[in-house]
Amino acid sequence: MKHRTRLERAEQLGLAAGQLAQGHPLRQVAAELGVARSTLRGWRAAAPLAGLPAEVAACLATPAGAQWLHQLVVVMHLIITLRAGAGVRLVCEFLELSGLSAVVGASYGCQYALTVQLQEAVATQAQEQRVALAVGMPAQELTVAEDETFHPDVCLVAIEPVSNFILLEQYAPDRTAATWTQALETARAGMPVTVIKGTSELGILYHPYDLERGQVQSVAQVAARFTDVWARLARLADAADLPARAREHLAKSDCLSIQL
């Protein structure tokens, strides 16, 4: 027997109610809906949902109510697990405390499966949007802020710091320069952008606390640290006799750090 979702059952009950009100026999209605007469009878005679007011339970049994409930659960996962990063167990707790566990499976396994589906859907949508938005995009040069995380494999992350756009986020076998270069080439495929340089020093400089002393950093302290960094880079540029274009890139990075 085909398993029907809550929404499908609500829709079929709505159709059945209309036909039965017109005097159609239960056997005929069940046959037209493709369900057993005993199944349809059981749906119509279902006991009130424990833990929910009768009016609320009746609403959730309608197609509109079932659709709203689905939307609520998806949004719950979107905000709690993806936006806040709080984990599936808080979704389960919310369902239990709100009483919605009467109509939504609140077990960890059930909700974990749903959050995996949501993550895959978000990733698919992101890729589709990436392709669509690249059409007609003006060519531009990018500076990317790079990072490497380990959970447990090496994950390369590169973000364009002005727009906060995540250009790259993927697992890699290692974090060598060659691997980084290949990953960035793949990430910008189809996009009219050129990565002219990468940096990983901003996270430490902008951190609200001095990572060595654990003290809060003032604006003046952060500014002084940046000034020191750019002064050291200027000395290195002089020592290496860098060409004018390379010095222009350094100057652009200096201006970018001020904007951030």
Protein backbone atom coordinates (compact mmCIF):
# COMPACT_ATOMS: atom_id res chain seq x y z
CA MET A 1 0.00 0.00 0.00
CA LYS A 2 1.32 3.43 -0.94
CA HIS A 3 2.39 5.58 1.99
CA ARG A 4 0.76 8.99 1.88
CA THR A 5 2.23 12.09 3.42
CA ARG A 6 0.25 14.21 5.83
CA LEU A 7 -0.40 16.70 3.05
CA GLU A 8 -1.59 14.02 0.62
CA ARG A 9 -3.89 12.56 3.25
CA ALA A 10 -5.28 16.01 4.09
CA GLU A 11 -5.95 16.69 0.41
CA GLN A 12 -7.70 13.35 -0.06
CA LEU A 13 -9.78 13.84 3.07
CA GLY A 14 -10.84 17.24 1.74
CA LEU A 15 -11.92 15.70 -1.56
CA ALA A 16 -13.68 12.88 0.23
CA ALA A 17 -15.59 15.27 2.48
CA GLY A 18 -16.92 17.15 -0.55
CA GLN A 19 -18.05 14.00 -2.35
CA LEU A 20 -19.60 12.45 0.74
CA ALA A 21 -21.51 15.67 1.39
CA GLN A 22 -23.03 15.28 -2.09
CA GLY A 23 -24.33 11.83 -1.16
CA HIS A 24 -21.69 9.66 -2.84
CA PRO A 25 -21.24 6.29 -1.08
CA LEU A 26 -18.03 5.74 0.91
CA ARG A 27 -17.02 2.75 -1.24
CA GLN A 28 -17.24 4.80 -4.45
CA VAL A 29 -15.33 7.75 -2.95
CA ALA A 30 -12.55 5.49 -1.67
CA ALA A 31 -12.24 3.80 -5.08
CA GLU A 32 -11.98 7.14 -6.87
CA LEU A 33 -9.25 8.28 -4.44
CA GLY A 34 -7.35 5.00 -4.83
CA VAL A 35 -7.52 4.02 -1.15
CA ALA A 36 -9.14 1.15 0.70
CA ARG A 37 -12.57 1.89 2.17
CA SER A 38 -11.30 0.84 5.62
CA THR A 39 -8.34 3.25 5.28
CA LEU A 40 -10.59 6.18 4.39
CA ARG A 41 -12.93 5.28 7.23
CA GLY A 42 -9.98 5.16 9.63
CA TRP A 43 -8.73 8.58 8.47
CA ARG A 44 -12.14 10.13 9.05
CA ALA A 45 -12.51 8.50 12.48
CA ALA A 46 -9.01 9.36 13.71
CA ALA A 47 -8.91 10.37 17.36
CA PRO A 48 -8.10 14.03 18.22
CA LEU A 49 -4.40 14.73 18.47
CA ALA A 50 -3.21 14.72 22.06
CA GLY A 51 -1.47 17.87 23.25
CA LEU A 52 -3.11 20.22 20.73
CA PRO A 53 -6.34 22.21 21.02
CA ALA A 54 -9.11 20.68 18.92
CA GLU A 55 -9.33 23.79 16.73
CA VAL A 56 -5.60 23.68 15.99
CA ALA A 57 -5.69 19.95 15.24
CA ALA A 58 -8.63 20.46 12.89
CA CYS A 59 -6.76 23.22 11.06
CA LEU A 60 -3.62 21.11 10.65
CA ALA A 61 -5.73 18.31 9.20
CA THR A 62 -6.71 20.52 6.24
CA PRO A 63 -4.54 20.90 3.10
CA ALA A 64 -3.79 24.55 3.96
CA GLY A 65 -2.90 23.59 7.54
CA ALA A 66 -0.62 20.75 6.40
CA GLN A 67 1.17 23.05 3.94
CA TRP A 68 1.66 25.68 6.66
CA LEU A 69 3.04 23.01 9.01
CA HIS A 70 5.54 21.84 6.39
CA GLN A 71 6.63 25.43 5.83
CA LEU A 72 7.04 25.99 9.57
CA VAL A 73 9.26 22.92 10.01
CA VAL A 74 11.46 23.84 7.02
CA VAL A 75 11.88 27.41 8.28
CA MET A 76 12.67 26.05 11.74
CA HIS A 77 15.52 23.99 10.30
CA LEU A 78 16.70 26.89 8.13
CA ILE A 79 16.97 29.27 11.09
CA ILE A 80 18.07 26.89 13.85
CA THR A 81 20.41 24.50 12.06
CA LEU A 82 21.72 26.57 9.14
CA ARG A 83 21.54 30.23 10.17
CA ALA A 84 22.23 29.78 13.90
CA GLY A 85 24.20 26.52 13.65
CA ALA A 86 22.48 25.28 16.81
CA GLY A 87 21.97 21.66 15.79
CA VAL A 88 19.11 19.24 15.19
CA ARG A 89 18.49 18.47 18.87
CA LEU A 90 17.15 22.00 19.45
CA VAL A 91 14.66 21.44 16.62
CA CYS A 92 13.52 18.28 18.39
CA GLU A 93 13.22 20.17 21.68
CA PHE A 94 11.19 22.92 20.03
CA LEU A 95 8.77 20.38 18.58
CA GLU A 96 8.37 18.66 21.95
CA LEU A 97 7.85 21.82 24.01
CA SER A 98 5.50 23.43 21.49
CA GLY A 99 3.29 20.36 21.29
CA LEU A 100 3.92 19.99 17.58
CA SER A 101 5.43 16.56 18.25
CA ALA A 102 1.80 15.40 18.11
CA VAL A 103 1.82 15.99 14.35
CA VAL A 104 5.56 16.03 13.47
CA GLY A 105 8.08 13.31 14.20
CA ALA A 106 10.37 14.76 16.86
CA SER A 107 13.01 12.04 17.00
CA TYR A 108 16.61 12.96 16.23
CA GLY A 109 16.82 10.50 13.35
CA CYS A 110 13.70 11.89 11.69
CA GLN A 111 14.77 15.51 11.95
CA TYR A 112 18.39 14.78 11.04
CA ALA A 113 17.24 13.24 7.76
CA LEU A 114 15.25 16.39 7.03
CA THR A 115 18.14 18.75 7.75
CA VAL A 116 20.38 16.73 5.40
CA GLN A 117 17.78 17.13 2.65
CA LEU A 118 17.61 20.86 3.34
CA GLN A 119 21.38 21.25 3.18
CA GLU A 120 21.49 19.45 -0.15
CA ALA A 121 18.67 21.63 -1.50
CA VAL A 122 20.44 24.81 -0.38
CA ALA A 123 23.69 23.66 -2.01
CA THR A 124 21.88 22.88 -5.26
CA GLN A 125 20.12 26.25 -5.24
CA ALA A 126 23.40 28.04 -4.52
CA GLN A 127 25.06 26.41 -7.53
CA GLU A 128 22.12 27.29 -9.79
CA GLN A 129 22.22 30.90 -8.60
CA ARG A 130 25.99 31.02 -9.06
CA VAL A 131 25.60 30.07 -12.73
CA ALA A 132 22.64 32.41 -13.33
CA LEU A 133 24.24 35.45 -11.70
CA ALA A 134 27.51 34.96 -13.60
CA VAL A 135 25.71 35.75 -16.86
CA GLY A 136 26.36 39.37 -17.76
CA MET A 137 28.63 39.89 -14.75
CA PRO A 138 31.36 42.47 -15.55
CA ALA A 139 34.93 41.21 -15.48
CA GLN A 140 36.77 42.09 -12.28
CA GLU A 141 39.84 41.33 -10.23
CA LEU A 142 39.43 39.88 -6.75
CA THR A 143 41.35 39.71 -3.53
CA VAL A 144 40.30 36.67 -1.49
CA ALA A 145 40.67 36.00 2.21
CA GLU A 146 41.74 32.38 2.57
CA ASP A 147 41.32 29.94 5.43
CA GLU A 148 41.70 26.24 6.08
CA THR A 149 39.51 24.23 8.43
CA PHE A 150 39.78 20.61 9.52
CA HIS A 151 36.58 18.68 10.30
CA PRO A 152 38.13 16.14 9.95
CA ASP A 153 39.46 16.55 6.40
CA VAL A 154 41.16 19.64 5.00
CA CYS A 155 38.57 22.16 3.81
CA LEU A 156 39.73 25.14 1.74
CA VAL A 157 37.69 28.34 2.13
CA ALA A 158 38.10 31.58 0.17
CA ILE A 159 35.85 34.63 0.67
CA GLU A 160 35.73 37.92 -1.23
CA PRO A 161 35.96 40.27 1.78
CA VAL A 162 33.96 43.25 0.45
CA SER A 163 30.81 41.34 -0.59
CA ASN A 164 31.43 38.44 1.83
CA PHE A 165 30.78 36.08 -1.09
CA ILE A 166 32.11 32.57 -0.51
CA LEU A 167 34.02 31.88 -3.71
CA LEU A 168 35.44 28.55 -2.58
CA GLU A 169 34.49 26.00 0.05
CA GLN A 170 35.57 22.44 -0.66
CA TYR A 171 37.47 19.50 0.77
CA ALA A 172 40.97 18.85 -0.56
CA PRO A 173 43.61 16.13 -0.11
CA ASP A 174 46.13 18.70 1.17
CA ARG A 175 46.70 22.46 1.47
CA THR A 176 49.69 22.97 -0.77
CA ALA A 177 49.97 26.01 -3.03
CA ALA A 178 49.31 23.85 -6.08
CA THR A 179 46.10 22.47 -4.54
CA TRP A 180 44.93 25.97 -3.61
CA THR A 181 45.61 27.22 -7.14
CA GLN A 182 43.68 24.37 -8.72
CA ALA A 183 40.78 24.76 -6.30
CA LEU A 184 40.48 28.50 -7.04
CA GLU A 185 40.64 27.86 -10.79
CA THR A 186 37.78 25.38 -10.46
CA ALA A 187 35.77 27.68 -8.19
CA ARG A 188 35.85 30.61 -10.59
CA ALA A 189 34.99 28.53 -13.67
CA GLY A 190 32.27 30.28 -15.64
CA MET A 191 32.75 33.53 -13.74
CA PRO A 192 34.55 36.51 -15.35
CA VAL A 193 36.81 37.07 -12.35
CA THR A 194 40.55 36.89 -11.81
CA VAL A 195 42.02 36.24 -8.39
CA ILE A 196 45.03 38.53 -8.17
CA LYS A 197 46.01 37.74 -4.59
CA GLY A 198 45.01 35.95 -1.44
CA THR A 199 45.47 36.89 2.17
CA SER A 200 45.00 35.13 5.52
CA GLU A 201 46.24 37.77 7.97
CA LEU A 202 42.96 39.72 8.39
CA GLY A 203 41.33 37.27 10.83
CA ILE A 204 44.09 37.81 13.40
CA LEU A 205 44.38 41.56 12.90
CA TYR A 206 40.64 42.17 13.11
CA HIS A 207 40.02 39.78 16.00
CA PRO A 208 38.27 41.62 18.86
CA TYR A 209 40.79 40.15 21.33
CA ASP A 210 44.56 40.10 21.36
CA LEU A 211 45.17 36.38 20.82
CA GLU A 212 48.43 36.46 22.78
CA ARG A 213 47.22 38.36 25.84
CA GLY A 214 43.46 37.78 25.76
CA GLN A 215 42.72 41.51 26.10
CA VAL A 216 40.10 43.46 24.18
CA GLN A 217 41.59 45.31 21.22
CA SER A 218 40.68 48.96 20.75
CA VAL A 219 40.20 50.55 17.33
CA ALA A 220 43.51 52.36 17.76
CA GLN A 221 45.31 49.07 18.49
CA VAL A 222 43.84 47.40 15.40
CA ALA A 223 44.79 50.41 13.26
CA ALA A 224 48.34 50.32 14.62
CA ARG A 225 48.69 46.63 13.81
CA PHE A 226 47.59 47.25 10.24
CA THR A 227 49.98 50.17 9.90
CA ASP A 228 52.81 47.93 11.05
CA VAL A 229 51.88 45.19 8.58
CA TRP A 230 51.75 47.54 5.59
CA ALA A 231 55.04 49.16 6.62
CA ARG A 232 56.71 45.74 6.70
CA LEU A 233 55.21 44.84 3.31
CA ALA A 234 56.49 48.11 1.85
CA ARG A 235 60.01 47.34 3.07
CA LEU A 236 59.81 43.86 1.57
CA ALA A 237 58.58 45.32 -1.72
CA ASP A 238 61.56 47.68 -1.79
CA ALA A 239 63.99 44.90 -0.97
CA ALA A 240 62.54 42.66 -3.69
CA ASP A 241 62.38 45.56 -6.19
CA LEU A 242 58.79 44.66 -7.09
CA PRO A 243 57.39 46.09 -10.33
CA ALA A 244 54.88 48.95 -10.31
CA ARG A 245 51.86 46.68 -10.90
CA ALA A 246 52.69 44.59 -7.84
CA ARG A 247 53.01 47.74 -5.75
CA GLU A 248 49.60 48.89 -7.03
CA HIS A 249 48.11 45.63 -5.76
CA LEU A 250 49.64 46.26 -2.33
CA ALA A 251 48.22 49.77 -2.27
CA LYS A 252 44.80 48.45 -3.22
CA SER A 253 44.95 45.94 -0.38
CA ASP A 254 45.89 48.73 2.02
CA CYS A 255 42.81 50.72 0.97
CA LEU A 256 40.64 47.60 1.24
CA SER A 257 41.71 46.98 4.85
CA ILE A 258 40.72 50.56 5.72
CA GLN A 259 37.25 50.07 4.16
CA LEU A 260 36.72 46.86 6.10
